[in-house]
Amino acid sequence: MRIIAGKFRSRPLKAPQGLDVRPSSDRLRETLFNVLGSAQQLEGSRWIDLFAGTGAVGLEALSRGAGYIYFVEKAPKVARIIEANVKSLGAEEQAEILTSDAVTALRQLEGIDPVEFVFLDPPYREEGSYQAVQRVLADSPLLRPESIVIAEHTKHFDPGDGVGELRRYRSLKQGDAVLSFYRRTAPAT
């Protein structure tokens, strides 16, 4: 596993052994960042990488110009791997690692400035996590109207069109994986 592009291009990332962590594939990460577009959109952006696993998505964002990443991973052993990956890239000043479940971490982060991107990729066996996170983000001060929430999921599971004002505006299928993109919409009048 490696960083695909940007200032950390081709740098290797540590990954835990076993099937408990399923890192986003290189191809899917490449697709994600191609969809997000220009480096200007990423430059200096702030991210929350939920269910971060190895931290590959957040570290790819840092490599491509993001300013700061909050990594959220509830398994202490896996969080230590994220910490090692951040350290190996010399990115300690641009990252914070929270060892917590996603909903608790989002509540803890509500005092920070809003972020531009939230990425979530819960283990496929934790399908209820998508809706739990969407419910928190639907009216969270962590999001601006232009913030994007990206959910990676299997093509055999649909996390839904959204909750409240947080609505899906795009889906992109690639192999067995799907990226669903959400934004806040204005409330109906």
N, C-alpha and C. Protein backbone atom coordinates (compact mmCIF):
# COMPACT_ATOMS: atom_id res chain seq x y z
N MET A 1 0.84 -1.17 0.00
CA MET A 1 0.00 0.00 0.00
C MET A 1 0.89 1.23 0.00
N ARG A 2 0.47 2.26 -0.75
CA ARG A 2 1.31 3.43 -0.93
C ARG A 2 0.46 4.68 -1.17
N ILE A 3 1.12 5.82 -1.08
CA ILE A 3 0.50 7.09 -1.48
C ILE A 3 0.58 7.17 -3.00
N ILE A 4 -0.49 7.58 -3.65
CA ILE A 4 -0.55 7.56 -5.10
C ILE A 4 0.08 8.79 -5.75
N ALA A 5 -0.23 9.98 -5.24
CA ALA A 5 0.22 11.21 -5.91
C ALA A 5 0.53 12.29 -4.89
N GLY A 6 1.12 13.37 -5.38
CA GLY A 6 1.40 14.52 -4.53
C GLY A 6 2.78 14.46 -3.91
N LYS A 7 2.98 15.25 -2.87
CA LYS A 7 4.32 15.39 -2.29
C LYS A 7 4.83 14.12 -1.62
N PHE A 8 3.94 13.19 -1.23
CA PHE A 8 4.37 11.93 -0.63
C PHE A 8 4.26 10.76 -1.61
N ARG A 9 4.15 11.06 -2.89
CA ARG A 9 3.94 10.05 -3.93
C ARG A 9 4.89 8.86 -3.76
N SER A 10 4.31 7.68 -3.88
CA SER A 10 5.01 6.39 -3.84
C SER A 10 5.54 6.00 -2.46
N ARG A 11 5.27 6.82 -1.44
CA ARG A 11 5.71 6.46 -0.09
C ARG A 11 4.86 5.31 0.43
N PRO A 12 5.47 4.30 1.02
CA PRO A 12 4.71 3.15 1.51
C PRO A 12 3.95 3.48 2.80
N LEU A 13 2.85 2.78 3.01
CA LEU A 13 2.05 2.90 4.23
C LEU A 13 1.99 1.54 4.91
N LYS A 14 2.06 1.56 6.23
CA LYS A 14 1.88 0.34 7.00
C LYS A 14 0.39 0.00 7.04
N ALA A 15 0.12 -1.29 7.07
CA ALA A 15 -1.27 -1.76 7.19
C ALA A 15 -1.29 -2.93 8.15
N PRO A 16 -2.34 -3.05 8.97
CA PRO A 16 -2.43 -4.19 9.89
C PRO A 16 -2.69 -5.48 9.13
N GLN A 17 -2.27 -6.57 9.70
CA GLN A 17 -2.53 -7.89 9.12
C GLN A 17 -3.97 -8.27 9.41
N GLY A 18 -4.55 -9.08 8.56
CA GLY A 18 -5.89 -9.60 8.79
C GLY A 18 -6.94 -8.84 8.01
N LEU A 19 -8.18 -9.24 8.20
CA LEU A 19 -9.28 -8.70 7.41
C LEU A 19 -10.09 -7.65 8.16
N ASP A 20 -9.72 -7.30 9.39
CA ASP A 20 -10.50 -6.33 10.15
C ASP A 20 -10.42 -4.94 9.54
N VAL A 21 -9.31 -4.63 8.87
CA VAL A 21 -9.14 -3.34 8.22
C VAL A 21 -9.09 -3.59 6.72
N ARG A 22 -9.94 -2.90 5.98
CA ARG A 22 -10.03 -3.05 4.54
C ARG A 22 -9.70 -1.70 3.91
N PRO A 23 -8.42 -1.45 3.64
CA PRO A 23 -8.05 -0.14 3.11
C PRO A 23 -8.68 0.13 1.75
N SER A 24 -8.99 1.41 1.51
CA SER A 24 -9.48 1.80 0.19
C SER A 24 -8.39 1.49 -0.83
N SER A 25 -8.78 0.90 -1.93
CA SER A 25 -7.79 0.51 -2.94
C SER A 25 -7.14 1.75 -3.57
N ASP A 26 -5.96 1.55 -4.12
CA ASP A 26 -5.27 2.64 -4.82
C ASP A 26 -6.17 3.21 -5.92
N ARG A 27 -6.79 2.32 -6.65
CA ARG A 27 -7.63 2.75 -7.78
C ARG A 27 -8.82 3.59 -7.30
N LEU A 28 -9.44 3.16 -6.21
CA LEU A 28 -10.59 3.90 -5.70
C LEU A 28 -10.16 5.27 -5.15
N ARG A 29 -9.01 5.31 -4.46
CA ARG A 29 -8.51 6.61 -3.98
C ARG A 29 -8.18 7.53 -5.15
N GLU A 30 -7.59 6.98 -6.19
CA GLU A 30 -7.29 7.79 -7.38
C GLU A 30 -8.58 8.36 -7.97
N THR A 31 -9.60 7.52 -8.08
CA THR A 31 -10.90 7.98 -8.59
C THR A 31 -11.48 9.07 -7.70
N LEU A 32 -11.44 8.86 -6.39
CA LEU A 32 -11.97 9.86 -5.46
C LEU A 32 -11.31 11.21 -5.68
N PHE A 33 -10.00 11.25 -5.73
CA PHE A 33 -9.31 12.53 -5.86
C PHE A 33 -9.44 13.12 -7.25
N ASN A 34 -9.64 12.29 -8.28
CA ASN A 34 -9.94 12.83 -9.60
C ASN A 34 -11.30 13.51 -9.60
N VAL A 35 -12.28 12.92 -8.91
CA VAL A 35 -13.62 13.51 -8.82
C VAL A 35 -13.58 14.83 -8.05
N LEU A 36 -12.81 14.86 -6.97
CA LEU A 36 -12.73 16.09 -6.18
C LEU A 36 -12.07 17.21 -6.97
N GLY A 37 -11.31 16.84 -7.98
CA GLY A 37 -10.83 17.83 -8.93
C GLY A 37 -9.57 18.55 -8.58
N SER A 38 -9.60 19.81 -8.81
CA SER A 38 -8.39 20.64 -8.82
C SER A 38 -7.68 20.66 -7.46
N ALA A 39 -6.40 20.89 -7.56
CA ALA A 39 -5.58 21.04 -6.35
C ALA A 39 -6.06 22.24 -5.54
N GLN A 40 -6.64 23.24 -6.21
CA GLN A 40 -7.13 24.43 -5.50
C GLN A 40 -8.21 24.04 -4.50
N GLN A 41 -9.07 23.11 -4.86
CA GLN A 41 -10.13 22.68 -3.95
C GLN A 41 -9.54 21.96 -2.74
N LEU A 42 -8.45 21.25 -2.94
CA LEU A 42 -7.83 20.50 -1.85
C LEU A 42 -6.86 21.34 -1.04
N GLU A 43 -6.27 22.35 -1.66
CA GLU A 43 -5.22 23.14 -1.00
C GLU A 43 -5.72 23.73 0.32
N GLY A 44 -5.06 23.33 1.39
CA GLY A 44 -5.38 23.85 2.71
C GLY A 44 -6.66 23.31 3.32
N SER A 45 -7.33 22.38 2.64
CA SER A 45 -8.62 21.87 3.14
C SER A 45 -8.43 21.07 4.43
N ARG A 46 -9.52 20.99 5.17
CA ARG A 46 -9.54 20.26 6.43
C ARG A 46 -10.48 19.08 6.27
N TRP A 47 -10.04 17.93 6.76
CA TRP A 47 -10.76 16.67 6.59
C TRP A 47 -11.00 15.99 7.93
N ILE A 48 -12.08 15.19 7.96
CA ILE A 48 -12.27 14.20 9.01
C ILE A 48 -12.33 12.85 8.30
N ASP A 49 -11.41 11.96 8.64
CA ASP A 49 -11.35 10.63 8.07
C ASP A 49 -11.87 9.66 9.13
N LEU A 50 -13.15 9.30 9.01
CA LEU A 50 -13.82 8.42 9.98
C LEU A 50 -13.58 6.96 9.63
N PHE A 51 -13.48 6.11 10.65
CA PHE A 51 -13.18 4.69 10.44
C PHE A 51 -11.90 4.62 9.61
N ALA A 52 -10.89 5.36 10.03
CA ALA A 52 -9.72 5.67 9.20
C ALA A 52 -8.86 4.48 8.83
N GLY A 53 -8.89 3.40 9.59
CA GLY A 53 -8.08 2.23 9.23
C GLY A 53 -6.61 2.60 9.17
N THR A 54 -6.00 2.46 8.02
CA THR A 54 -4.58 2.80 7.85
C THR A 54 -4.34 4.30 7.73
N GLY A 55 -5.42 5.05 7.49
CA GLY A 55 -5.29 6.48 7.26
C GLY A 55 -5.00 6.81 5.81
N ALA A 56 -5.12 5.84 4.91
CA ALA A 56 -4.72 6.03 3.51
C ALA A 56 -5.44 7.20 2.83
N VAL A 57 -6.73 7.35 3.06
CA VAL A 57 -7.46 8.44 2.38
C VAL A 57 -7.01 9.79 2.91
N GLY A 58 -6.95 9.95 4.22
CA GLY A 58 -6.50 11.22 4.79
C GLY A 58 -5.07 11.54 4.42
N LEU A 59 -4.21 10.54 4.40
CA LEU A 59 -2.80 10.78 4.04
C LEU A 59 -2.67 11.12 2.56
N GLU A 60 -3.50 10.52 1.74
CA GLU A 60 -3.51 10.89 0.31
C GLU A 60 -3.95 12.35 0.16
N ALA A 61 -4.95 12.76 0.94
CA ALA A 61 -5.39 14.16 0.91
C ALA A 61 -4.25 15.09 1.32
N LEU A 62 -3.54 14.75 2.39
CA LEU A 62 -2.39 15.57 2.81
C LEU A 62 -1.35 15.65 1.71
N SER A 63 -1.08 14.54 1.07
CA SER A 63 -0.10 14.50 0.00
C SER A 63 -0.49 15.42 -1.15
N ARG A 64 -1.79 15.57 -1.37
CA ARG A 64 -2.31 16.38 -2.48
C ARG A 64 -2.63 17.82 -2.07
N GLY A 65 -2.23 18.23 -0.87
CA GLY A 65 -2.35 19.63 -0.51
C GLY A 65 -3.30 19.97 0.62
N ALA A 66 -4.00 18.99 1.17
CA ALA A 66 -4.88 19.29 2.31
C ALA A 66 -4.05 19.86 3.45
N GLY A 67 -4.69 20.66 4.28
CA GLY A 67 -3.98 21.32 5.36
C GLY A 67 -3.97 20.57 6.68
N TYR A 68 -5.06 19.85 6.98
CA TYR A 68 -5.15 19.19 8.28
C TYR A 68 -6.16 18.05 8.19
N ILE A 69 -5.83 16.94 8.86
CA ILE A 69 -6.71 15.77 8.87
C ILE A 69 -6.95 15.33 10.31
N TYR A 70 -8.21 15.10 10.65
CA TYR A 70 -8.59 14.45 11.90
C TYR A 70 -8.88 13.00 11.55
N PHE A 71 -8.05 12.09 12.05
CA PHE A 71 -8.25 10.66 11.83
C PHE A 71 -9.03 10.11 13.01
N VAL A 72 -10.07 9.34 12.73
CA VAL A 72 -10.87 8.73 13.79
C VAL A 72 -10.85 7.22 13.58
N GLU A 73 -10.34 6.52 14.57
CA GLU A 73 -10.25 5.06 14.51
C GLU A 73 -10.44 4.53 15.93
N LYS A 74 -11.42 3.65 16.12
CA LYS A 74 -11.72 3.20 17.48
C LYS A 74 -10.78 2.10 17.98
N ALA A 75 -10.14 1.35 17.10
CA ALA A 75 -9.24 0.27 17.53
C ALA A 75 -7.86 0.84 17.86
N PRO A 76 -7.45 0.79 19.13
CA PRO A 76 -6.15 1.37 19.51
C PRO A 76 -4.97 0.84 18.70
N LYS A 77 -4.95 -0.45 18.42
CA LYS A 77 -3.85 -1.04 17.65
C LYS A 77 -3.79 -0.42 16.24
N VAL A 78 -4.93 -0.24 15.63
CA VAL A 78 -4.99 0.33 14.28
C VAL A 78 -4.65 1.83 14.33
N ALA A 79 -5.12 2.52 15.37
CA ALA A 79 -4.79 3.95 15.52
C ALA A 79 -3.28 4.15 15.63
N ARG A 80 -2.59 3.21 16.27
CA ARG A 80 -1.13 3.30 16.36
C ARG A 80 -0.48 3.15 14.98
N ILE A 81 -1.10 2.38 14.09
CA ILE A 81 -0.59 2.26 12.71
C ILE A 81 -0.76 3.58 11.97
N ILE A 82 -1.90 4.24 12.17
CA ILE A 82 -2.09 5.57 11.58
C ILE A 82 -1.00 6.50 12.09
N GLU A 83 -0.77 6.47 13.39
CA GLU A 83 0.25 7.33 13.99
C GLU A 83 1.62 7.06 13.37
N ALA A 84 1.95 5.79 13.16
CA ALA A 84 3.23 5.44 12.53
C ALA A 84 3.29 5.94 11.08
N ASN A 85 2.17 5.84 10.36
CA ASN A 85 2.13 6.33 8.97
C ASN A 85 2.29 7.84 8.91
N VAL A 86 1.61 8.55 9.81
CA VAL A 86 1.73 10.01 9.87
C VAL A 86 3.17 10.40 10.16
N LYS A 87 3.75 9.73 11.14
CA LYS A 87 5.13 10.02 11.54
C LYS A 87 6.12 9.72 10.41
N SER A 88 5.91 8.63 9.68
CA SER A 88 6.82 8.26 8.59
C SER A 88 6.82 9.30 7.47
N LEU A 89 5.72 10.05 7.36
CA LEU A 89 5.62 11.10 6.34
C LEU A 89 6.03 12.47 6.90
N GLY A 90 6.31 12.54 8.20
CA GLY A 90 6.66 13.82 8.81
C GLY A 90 5.49 14.78 8.84
N ALA A 91 4.29 14.25 8.98
CA ALA A 91 3.07 15.07 8.91
C ALA A 91 2.41 15.26 10.27
N GLU A 92 3.17 15.12 11.36
CA GLU A 92 2.58 15.21 12.70
C GLU A 92 1.88 16.54 12.97
N GLU A 93 2.37 17.62 12.38
CA GLU A 93 1.77 18.95 12.60
C GLU A 93 0.48 19.15 11.82
N GLN A 94 0.14 18.20 10.96
CA GLN A 94 -1.04 18.33 10.11
C GLN A 94 -2.10 17.28 10.43
N ALA A 95 -1.95 16.59 11.54
CA ALA A 95 -2.86 15.49 11.82
C ALA A 95 -3.14 15.36 13.31
N GLU A 96 -4.34 14.92 13.59
CA GLU A 96 -4.72 14.54 14.95
C GLU A 96 -5.43 13.19 14.86
N ILE A 97 -5.09 12.29 15.74
CA ILE A 97 -5.67 10.96 15.73
C ILE A 97 -6.54 10.81 16.97
N LEU A 98 -7.81 10.51 16.76
CA LEU A 98 -8.75 10.30 17.85
C LEU A 98 -9.08 8.82 17.92
N THR A 99 -8.81 8.21 19.06
CA THR A 99 -9.12 6.79 19.24
C THR A 99 -10.49 6.73 19.91
N SER A 100 -11.51 6.61 19.07
CA SER A 100 -12.89 6.71 19.52
C SER A 100 -13.81 6.19 18.43
N ASP A 101 -15.05 5.89 18.80
CA ASP A 101 -16.02 5.57 17.76
C ASP A 101 -16.39 6.85 17.02
N ALA A 102 -16.91 6.72 15.83
CA ALA A 102 -17.14 7.86 14.95
C ALA A 102 -18.11 8.89 15.53
N VAL A 103 -19.22 8.45 16.07
CA VAL A 103 -20.23 9.38 16.58
C VAL A 103 -19.69 10.18 17.76
N THR A 104 -19.02 9.49 18.69
CA THR A 104 -18.43 10.19 19.84
C THR A 104 -17.39 11.20 19.37
N ALA A 105 -16.55 10.81 18.42
CA ALA A 105 -15.51 11.72 17.92
C ALA A 105 -16.13 12.94 17.24
N LEU A 106 -17.18 12.74 16.46
CA LEU A 106 -17.83 13.89 15.81
C LEU A 106 -18.37 14.86 16.85
N ARG A 107 -18.95 14.34 17.92
CA ARG A 107 -19.45 15.21 19.00
C ARG A 107 -18.30 15.95 19.66
N GLN A 108 -17.16 15.27 19.87
CA GLN A 108 -15.99 15.91 20.48
C GLN A 108 -15.42 17.00 19.59
N LEU A 109 -15.51 16.83 18.28
CA LEU A 109 -14.93 17.78 17.33
C LEU A 109 -15.83 18.97 17.04
N GLU A 110 -17.03 19.01 17.56
CA GLU A 110 -17.97 20.07 17.20
C GLU A 110 -17.48 21.47 17.53
N GLY A 111 -16.46 21.62 18.36
CA GLY A 111 -15.94 22.95 18.67
C GLY A 111 -14.88 23.46 17.70
N ILE A 112 -14.46 22.62 16.74
CA ILE A 112 -13.44 23.06 15.79
C ILE A 112 -14.09 23.84 14.65
N ASP A 113 -13.27 24.52 13.85
CA ASP A 113 -13.79 25.18 12.65
C ASP A 113 -14.36 24.12 11.72
N PRO A 114 -15.37 24.48 10.92
CA PRO A 114 -15.94 23.52 9.98
C PRO A 114 -14.88 22.96 9.02
N VAL A 115 -15.13 21.75 8.55
CA VAL A 115 -14.22 21.08 7.62
C VAL A 115 -14.82 21.10 6.22
N GLU A 116 -13.95 20.91 5.26
CA GLU A 116 -14.42 20.86 3.86
C GLU A 116 -14.85 19.46 3.45
N PHE A 117 -14.23 18.43 4.05
CA PHE A 117 -14.50 17.05 3.65
C PHE A 117 -14.60 16.13 4.86
N VAL A 118 -15.56 15.20 4.77
CA VAL A 118 -15.65 14.10 5.73
C VAL A 118 -15.68 12.82 4.89
N PHE A 119 -14.79 11.89 5.21
CA PHE A 119 -14.76 10.60 4.51
C PHE A 119 -15.12 9.52 5.51
N LEU A 120 -16.03 8.63 5.13
CA LEU A 120 -16.37 7.53 6.01
C LEU A 120 -16.42 6.22 5.25
N ASP A 121 -15.82 5.24 5.86
CA ASP A 121 -15.74 3.90 5.28
C ASP A 121 -15.78 2.88 6.41
N PRO A 122 -16.97 2.72 7.04
CA PRO A 122 -17.06 1.75 8.13
C PRO A 122 -16.84 0.33 7.61
N PRO A 123 -16.46 -0.57 8.50
CA PRO A 123 -16.40 -1.97 8.08
C PRO A 123 -17.74 -2.37 7.49
N TYR A 124 -17.71 -3.15 6.43
CA TYR A 124 -18.95 -3.51 5.74
C TYR A 124 -19.95 -4.20 6.65
N ARG A 125 -19.49 -4.84 7.71
CA ARG A 125 -20.43 -5.51 8.61
C ARG A 125 -21.10 -4.52 9.57
N GLU A 126 -20.68 -3.26 9.55
CA GLU A 126 -21.27 -2.22 10.41
C GLU A 126 -22.11 -1.24 9.60
N GLU A 127 -23.06 -1.78 8.83
CA GLU A 127 -23.84 -0.94 7.91
C GLU A 127 -24.65 0.14 8.63
N GLY A 128 -25.04 -0.08 9.87
CA GLY A 128 -25.79 0.93 10.62
C GLY A 128 -24.97 2.17 10.92
N SER A 129 -23.65 2.07 10.82
CA SER A 129 -22.79 3.22 11.09
C SER A 129 -22.99 4.36 10.10
N TYR A 130 -23.35 4.03 8.86
CA TYR A 130 -23.56 5.09 7.86
C TYR A 130 -24.66 6.04 8.31
N GLN A 131 -25.82 5.48 8.69
CA GLN A 131 -26.94 6.32 9.09
C GLN A 131 -26.65 7.05 10.40
N ALA A 132 -25.96 6.40 11.33
CA ALA A 132 -25.63 7.06 12.60
C ALA A 132 -24.76 8.29 12.34
N VAL A 133 -23.77 8.16 11.47
CA VAL A 133 -22.91 9.30 11.13
C VAL A 133 -23.70 10.37 10.38
N GLN A 134 -24.54 9.95 9.44
CA GLN A 134 -25.35 10.92 8.70
C GLN A 134 -26.26 11.72 9.62
N ARG A 135 -26.85 11.04 10.62
CA ARG A 135 -27.74 11.75 11.56
C ARG A 135 -26.97 12.83 12.31
N VAL A 136 -25.74 12.53 12.72
CA VAL A 136 -24.93 13.52 13.45
C VAL A 136 -24.54 14.67 12.51
N LEU A 137 -24.12 14.33 11.29
CA LEU A 137 -23.63 15.36 10.38
C LEU A 137 -24.75 16.22 9.77
N ALA A 138 -25.97 15.71 9.76
CA ALA A 138 -27.08 16.43 9.11
C ALA A 138 -27.24 17.85 9.63
N ASP A 139 -27.00 18.06 10.92
CA ASP A 139 -27.13 19.43 11.45
C ASP A 139 -25.90 19.83 12.27
N SER A 140 -24.77 19.22 11.95
CA SER A 140 -23.55 19.46 12.71
C SER A 140 -22.88 20.79 12.31
N PRO A 141 -22.33 21.50 13.29
CA PRO A 141 -21.56 22.71 12.98
C PRO A 141 -20.22 22.38 12.31
N LEU A 142 -19.90 21.10 12.18
CA LEU A 142 -18.66 20.70 11.52
C LEU A 142 -18.71 20.91 10.01
N LEU A 143 -19.92 21.05 9.45
CA LEU A 143 -20.06 21.20 8.01
C LEU A 143 -20.52 22.59 7.62
N ARG A 144 -19.95 23.09 6.54
CA ARG A 144 -20.44 24.29 5.86
C ARG A 144 -21.40 23.81 4.77
N PRO A 145 -22.16 24.72 4.17
CA PRO A 145 -23.04 24.29 3.07
C PRO A 145 -22.27 23.63 1.92
N GLU A 146 -21.05 24.07 1.66
CA GLU A 146 -20.27 23.52 0.55
C GLU A 146 -19.44 22.30 0.94
N SER A 147 -19.46 21.90 2.20
CA SER A 147 -18.71 20.72 2.64
C SER A 147 -19.24 19.47 1.95
N ILE A 148 -18.35 18.52 1.72
CA ILE A 148 -18.71 17.27 1.05
C ILE A 148 -18.46 16.11 2.01
N VAL A 149 -19.46 15.24 2.12
CA VAL A 149 -19.34 14.01 2.88
C VAL A 149 -19.28 12.88 1.87
N ILE A 150 -18.25 12.05 1.97
CA ILE A 150 -18.05 10.96 1.02
C ILE A 150 -18.14 9.65 1.78
N ALA A 151 -19.01 8.75 1.32
CA ALA A 151 -19.15 7.43 1.94
C ALA A 151 -18.70 6.37 0.95
N GLU A 152 -17.75 5.54 1.37
CA GLU A 152 -17.37 4.38 0.57
C GLU A 152 -18.18 3.19 1.08
N HIS A 153 -18.75 2.43 0.16
CA HIS A 153 -19.55 1.26 0.55
C HIS A 153 -19.54 0.24 -0.58
N THR A 154 -20.00 -0.94 -0.27
CA THR A 154 -20.09 -1.99 -1.27
C THR A 154 -21.29 -1.74 -2.18
N LYS A 155 -21.21 -2.24 -3.40
CA LYS A 155 -22.33 -2.06 -4.33
C LYS A 155 -23.57 -2.83 -3.88
N HIS A 156 -23.40 -3.75 -2.93
CA HIS A 156 -24.52 -4.54 -2.43
C HIS A 156 -25.24 -3.87 -1.25
N PHE A 157 -24.78 -2.68 -0.88
CA PHE A 157 -25.40 -1.95 0.23
C PHE A 157 -25.55 -0.49 -0.17
N ASP A 158 -26.73 0.06 0.07
CA ASP A 158 -26.97 1.47 -0.21
C ASP A 158 -27.15 2.20 1.12
N PRO A 159 -26.26 3.15 1.45
CA PRO A 159 -26.40 3.88 2.71
C PRO A 159 -27.54 4.88 2.72
N GLY A 160 -28.27 4.99 1.63
CA GLY A 160 -29.44 5.87 1.58
C GLY A 160 -29.14 7.21 0.94
N ASP A 161 -30.22 7.93 0.68
CA ASP A 161 -30.11 9.23 0.02
C ASP A 161 -29.76 10.36 0.98
N GLY A 162 -29.69 10.05 2.26
CA GLY A 162 -29.30 11.06 3.23
C GLY A 162 -30.28 11.16 4.37
N VAL A 163 -29.96 12.10 5.27
CA VAL A 163 -30.78 12.35 6.45
C VAL A 163 -30.96 13.86 6.54
N GLY A 164 -32.20 14.29 6.77
CA GLY A 164 -32.45 15.73 6.91
C GLY A 164 -31.94 16.50 5.70
N GLU A 165 -31.15 17.53 5.97
CA GLU A 165 -30.62 18.36 4.89
C GLU A 165 -29.38 17.77 4.23
N LEU A 166 -28.84 16.71 4.76
CA LEU A 166 -27.67 16.06 4.18
C LEU A 166 -28.16 15.07 3.12
N ARG A 167 -27.93 15.41 1.84
CA ARG A 167 -28.50 14.62 0.75
C ARG A 167 -27.43 14.15 -0.23
N ARG A 168 -27.62 12.94 -0.74
CA ARG A 168 -26.70 12.42 -1.75
C ARG A 168 -26.94 13.14 -3.06
N TYR A 169 -25.84 13.57 -3.69
CA TYR A 169 -25.97 14.23 -4.99
C TYR A 169 -25.23 13.48 -6.09
N ARG A 170 -24.44 12.45 -5.73
CA ARG A 170 -23.72 11.71 -6.75
C ARG A 170 -23.29 10.36 -6.18
N SER A 171 -23.30 9.35 -7.04
CA SER A 171 -22.74 8.04 -6.72
C SER A 171 -21.84 7.63 -7.86
N LEU A 172 -20.75 6.98 -7.50
CA LEU A 172 -19.79 6.54 -8.50
C LEU A 172 -19.39 5.11 -8.18
N LYS A 173 -19.69 4.18 -9.09
CA LYS A 173 -19.38 2.77 -8.88
C LYS A 173 -18.05 2.44 -9.53
N GLN A 174 -17.27 1.61 -8.82
CA GLN A 174 -16.01 1.11 -9.36
C GLN A 174 -15.79 -0.30 -8.82
N GLY A 175 -15.97 -1.28 -9.68
CA GLY A 175 -15.87 -2.67 -9.24
C GLY A 175 -16.94 -2.96 -8.21
N ASP A 176 -16.54 -3.52 -7.07
CA ASP A 176 -17.48 -3.84 -6.00
C ASP A 176 -17.72 -2.67 -5.06
N ALA A 177 -16.98 -1.58 -5.24
CA ALA A 177 -17.08 -0.43 -4.33
C ALA A 177 -17.87 0.71 -4.98
N VAL A 178 -18.46 1.53 -4.12
CA VAL A 178 -19.21 2.71 -4.55
C VAL A 178 -18.80 3.87 -3.66
N LEU A 179 -18.68 5.03 -4.25
CA LEU A 179 -18.50 6.28 -3.50
C LEU A 179 -19.79 7.06 -3.63
N SER A 180 -20.40 7.40 -2.50
CA SER A 180 -21.60 8.25 -2.48
C SER A 180 -21.20 9.60 -1.91
N PHE A 181 -21.58 10.67 -2.59
CA PHE A 181 -21.23 12.03 -2.22
C PHE A 181 -22.47 12.75 -1.71
N TYR A 182 -22.33 13.41 -0.55
CA TYR A 182 -23.44 14.10 0.11
C TYR A 182 -23.08 15.55 0.37
N ARG A 183 -24.09 16.41 0.34
CA ARG A 183 -23.98 17.82 0.73
C ARG A 183 -25.27 18.22 1.42
N ARG A 184 -25.17 19.30 2.15
CA ARG A 184 -26.39 19.85 2.73
C ARG A 184 -27.17 20.58 1.66
N THR A 185 -28.48 20.42 1.73
CA THR A 185 -29.36 21.15 0.83
C THR A 185 -30.17 22.13 1.66
N ALA A 186 -30.68 23.14 1.00
CA ALA A 186 -31.53 24.10 1.70
C ALA A 186 -32.82 23.39 2.11
N PRO A 187 -33.36 23.68 3.30
CA PRO A 187 -34.61 23.05 3.69
C PRO A 187 -35.74 23.44 2.76
N ALA A 188 -36.63 22.51 2.52
CA ALA A 188 -37.79 22.79 1.65
C ALA A 188 -38.70 23.81 2.33
N THR A 189 -39.23 24.68 1.52
CA THR A 189 -40.15 25.69 2.05
C THR A 189 -41.56 25.45 1.60
